[in-house]
N, C-alpha and C. Protein backbone atom coordinates (compact mmCIF):
# COMPACT_ATOMS: atom_id res chain seq x y z
N UNK A 1 -12.84 -1.15 -14.54
CA UNK A 1 -12.31 0.15 -14.18
C UNK A 1 -11.33 0.00 -13.01
N UNK A 2 -10.23 0.69 -13.09
CA UNK A 2 -9.17 0.59 -12.08
C UNK A 2 -9.62 1.19 -10.75
N UNK A 3 -9.09 0.62 -9.67
CA UNK A 3 -9.39 1.09 -8.32
C UNK A 3 -8.20 1.87 -7.79
N UNK A 4 -8.25 3.18 -7.90
CA UNK A 4 -7.18 4.05 -7.43
C UNK A 4 -7.53 4.59 -6.06
N UNK A 5 -6.57 4.58 -5.14
CA UNK A 5 -6.77 5.17 -3.82
C UNK A 5 -5.61 6.13 -3.53
N UNK A 6 -5.91 7.12 -2.73
CA UNK A 6 -4.89 8.09 -2.33
C UNK A 6 -4.28 7.64 -1.01
N UNK A 7 -2.98 7.55 -0.96
CA UNK A 7 -2.23 7.18 0.25
C UNK A 7 -1.13 8.21 0.47
N UNK A 8 -0.39 8.03 1.54
CA UNK A 8 0.74 8.90 1.86
C UNK A 8 1.98 8.02 2.02
N UNK A 9 3.05 8.35 1.28
CA UNK A 9 4.26 7.54 1.43
C UNK A 9 5.01 7.95 2.69
N UNK A 10 6.10 7.28 2.98
CA UNK A 10 6.83 7.53 4.23
C UNK A 10 7.51 8.90 4.25
N UNK A 11 7.58 9.57 3.11
CA UNK A 11 8.14 10.93 3.05
C UNK A 11 7.03 11.98 3.15
N UNK A 12 5.81 11.51 3.50
CA UNK A 12 4.64 12.38 3.69
C UNK A 12 4.15 13.01 2.40
N UNK A 13 4.41 12.36 1.26
CA UNK A 13 3.96 12.84 -0.04
C UNK A 13 2.74 12.03 -0.47
N UNK A 14 1.65 12.69 -0.88
CA UNK A 14 0.47 11.95 -1.34
C UNK A 14 0.78 11.21 -2.65
N UNK A 15 0.33 9.97 -2.71
CA UNK A 15 0.51 9.16 -3.91
C UNK A 15 -0.80 8.44 -4.22
N UNK A 16 -0.97 8.02 -5.46
CA UNK A 16 -2.15 7.27 -5.87
C UNK A 16 -1.72 5.87 -6.27
N UNK A 17 -2.46 4.89 -5.76
CA UNK A 17 -2.11 3.48 -5.97
C UNK A 17 -3.28 2.78 -6.63
N UNK A 18 -2.98 1.98 -7.66
CA UNK A 18 -3.99 1.15 -8.31
C UNK A 18 -4.03 -0.18 -7.58
N UNK A 19 -5.04 -0.38 -6.75
CA UNK A 19 -5.13 -1.60 -5.95
C UNK A 19 -5.44 -2.84 -6.79
N UNK A 20 -5.89 -2.66 -8.01
CA UNK A 20 -6.16 -3.82 -8.86
C UNK A 20 -4.88 -4.60 -9.16
N UNK A 21 -3.74 -3.94 -9.08
CA UNK A 21 -2.45 -4.59 -9.34
C UNK A 21 -1.73 -5.03 -8.08
N UNK A 22 -2.32 -4.77 -6.91
CA UNK A 22 -1.69 -5.15 -5.65
C UNK A 22 -1.86 -6.64 -5.39
N UNK A 23 -0.80 -7.26 -4.90
CA UNK A 23 -0.84 -8.68 -4.56
C UNK A 23 -1.05 -8.85 -3.06
N UNK A 24 -0.35 -8.07 -2.25
CA UNK A 24 -0.51 -8.15 -0.80
C UNK A 24 -0.50 -6.74 -0.20
N UNK A 25 -1.19 -6.63 0.93
CA UNK A 25 -1.20 -5.41 1.74
C UNK A 25 -0.97 -5.87 3.17
N UNK A 26 0.19 -5.52 3.74
CA UNK A 26 0.48 -5.99 5.10
C UNK A 26 1.24 -4.93 5.89
N UNK A 27 1.07 -4.98 7.18
CA UNK A 27 1.71 -4.03 8.08
C UNK A 27 3.11 -4.51 8.46
N UNK A 28 4.07 -3.58 8.49
CA UNK A 28 5.44 -3.87 8.93
C UNK A 28 5.85 -2.73 9.86
N UNK A 29 5.43 -2.81 11.12
CA UNK A 29 5.64 -1.71 12.06
C UNK A 29 7.10 -1.46 12.42
N UNK A 30 7.95 -2.46 12.29
CA UNK A 30 9.35 -2.26 12.67
C UNK A 30 10.28 -2.13 11.46
N UNK A 31 9.73 -2.16 10.24
CA UNK A 31 10.56 -2.01 9.06
C UNK A 31 11.45 -3.20 8.81
N UNK A 32 11.00 -4.37 9.19
CA UNK A 32 11.81 -5.58 9.05
C UNK A 32 12.07 -5.94 7.59
N UNK A 33 11.07 -5.81 6.74
CA UNK A 33 11.22 -6.20 5.34
C UNK A 33 11.79 -5.09 4.48
N UNK A 34 11.43 -3.84 4.77
CA UNK A 34 11.76 -2.75 3.85
C UNK A 34 12.62 -1.65 4.45
N UNK A 35 12.96 -1.78 5.71
CA UNK A 35 13.72 -0.77 6.46
C UNK A 35 12.92 0.50 6.72
N UNK A 36 11.65 0.51 6.31
CA UNK A 36 10.76 1.64 6.59
C UNK A 36 9.50 1.09 7.25
N UNK A 37 9.16 1.53 8.45
CA UNK A 37 7.92 1.05 9.05
C UNK A 37 6.71 1.63 8.33
N UNK A 38 5.68 0.84 8.24
CA UNK A 38 4.44 1.27 7.58
C UNK A 38 3.73 0.09 6.97
N UNK A 39 2.79 0.37 6.10
CA UNK A 39 2.06 -0.68 5.39
C UNK A 39 2.74 -0.92 4.05
N UNK A 40 3.10 -2.16 3.80
CA UNK A 40 3.77 -2.53 2.56
C UNK A 40 2.73 -3.04 1.57
N UNK A 41 2.69 -2.42 0.40
CA UNK A 41 1.80 -2.87 -0.67
C UNK A 41 2.69 -3.43 -1.77
N UNK A 42 2.57 -4.75 -2.00
CA UNK A 42 3.38 -5.40 -3.03
C UNK A 42 2.55 -5.56 -4.29
N UNK A 43 3.22 -5.42 -5.42
CA UNK A 43 2.58 -5.51 -6.73
C UNK A 43 3.11 -6.70 -7.50
N UNK A 44 2.39 -7.08 -8.54
CA UNK A 44 2.84 -8.17 -9.42
C UNK A 44 4.20 -7.80 -9.99
N UNK A 45 5.07 -8.77 -10.06
CA UNK A 45 6.38 -8.52 -10.63
C UNK A 45 7.53 -8.92 -9.74
N UNK A 46 7.26 -9.46 -8.59
CA UNK A 46 8.34 -9.93 -7.73
C UNK A 46 8.41 -9.19 -6.42
N UNK A 47 9.33 -9.64 -5.57
CA UNK A 47 9.46 -9.09 -4.23
C UNK A 47 9.90 -7.63 -4.19
N UNK A 48 10.62 -7.19 -5.19
CA UNK A 48 11.18 -5.85 -5.17
C UNK A 48 10.19 -4.79 -5.64
N UNK A 49 8.99 -5.17 -6.04
CA UNK A 49 8.02 -4.21 -6.53
C UNK A 49 7.01 -3.93 -5.42
N UNK A 50 7.28 -2.88 -4.64
CA UNK A 50 6.43 -2.56 -3.51
C UNK A 50 6.53 -1.06 -3.21
N UNK A 51 5.60 -0.60 -2.38
CA UNK A 51 5.64 0.76 -1.87
C UNK A 51 5.21 0.70 -0.40
N UNK A 52 5.76 1.59 0.41
CA UNK A 52 5.42 1.65 1.83
C UNK A 52 4.62 2.92 2.05
N UNK A 53 3.45 2.78 2.70
CA UNK A 53 2.58 3.92 2.98
C UNK A 53 2.29 4.00 4.47
N UNK A 54 1.77 5.15 4.90
CA UNK A 54 1.52 5.36 6.32
C UNK A 54 0.14 4.86 6.77
N UNK A 55 -0.79 4.67 5.86
CA UNK A 55 -2.13 4.22 6.23
C UNK A 55 -2.11 2.78 6.73
N UNK A 56 -3.06 2.46 7.60
CA UNK A 56 -3.21 1.11 8.11
C UNK A 56 -3.83 0.22 7.03
N UNK A 57 -3.50 -1.08 7.01
CA UNK A 57 -4.08 -1.98 6.01
C UNK A 57 -5.61 -1.96 6.02
N UNK A 58 -6.20 -1.83 7.21
CA UNK A 58 -7.66 -1.80 7.30
C UNK A 58 -8.26 -0.61 6.55
N UNK A 59 -7.59 0.54 6.62
CA UNK A 59 -8.05 1.73 5.89
C UNK A 59 -7.99 1.50 4.39
N UNK A 60 -6.92 0.88 3.93
CA UNK A 60 -6.74 0.62 2.50
C UNK A 60 -7.78 -0.36 2.00
N UNK A 61 -8.00 -1.43 2.75
CA UNK A 61 -8.98 -2.43 2.34
C UNK A 61 -10.39 -1.84 2.36
N UNK A 62 -10.68 -0.99 3.36
CA UNK A 62 -11.98 -0.34 3.42
C UNK A 62 -12.19 0.57 2.22
N UNK A 63 -11.16 1.31 1.82
CA UNK A 63 -11.24 2.16 0.64
C UNK A 63 -11.54 1.35 -0.60
N UNK A 64 -10.92 0.20 -0.69
CA UNK A 64 -11.15 -0.71 -1.83
C UNK A 64 -12.59 -1.18 -1.85
N UNK A 65 -13.12 -1.57 -0.70
CA UNK A 65 -14.49 -2.06 -0.60
C UNK A 65 -15.51 -0.97 -0.94
N UNK A 66 -15.24 0.25 -0.51
CA UNK A 66 -16.16 1.36 -0.76
C UNK A 66 -16.19 1.80 -2.20
N UNK A 67 -15.14 1.55 -2.95
CA UNK A 67 -15.06 2.02 -4.34
C UNK A 67 -15.70 1.05 -5.32
N UNK A 68 -16.02 -0.17 -4.91
CA UNK A 68 -16.63 -1.13 -5.83
C UNK A 68 -18.12 -1.15 -5.70
């Protein structure tokens, strides 16, 4: 069963992310990689497949742990 979590993107819009397809979850406070500060969640498919959210990586990982 897929692990969906609710996050908020940098435009303050709620989004749902399937963490089963996430490859990395890392913080980028200065927007060095994506030009948007926040937590970068990268998905399978290469460097260009990512989304930036406002939640801290610890919150996302905790949500993942609680749902299993």
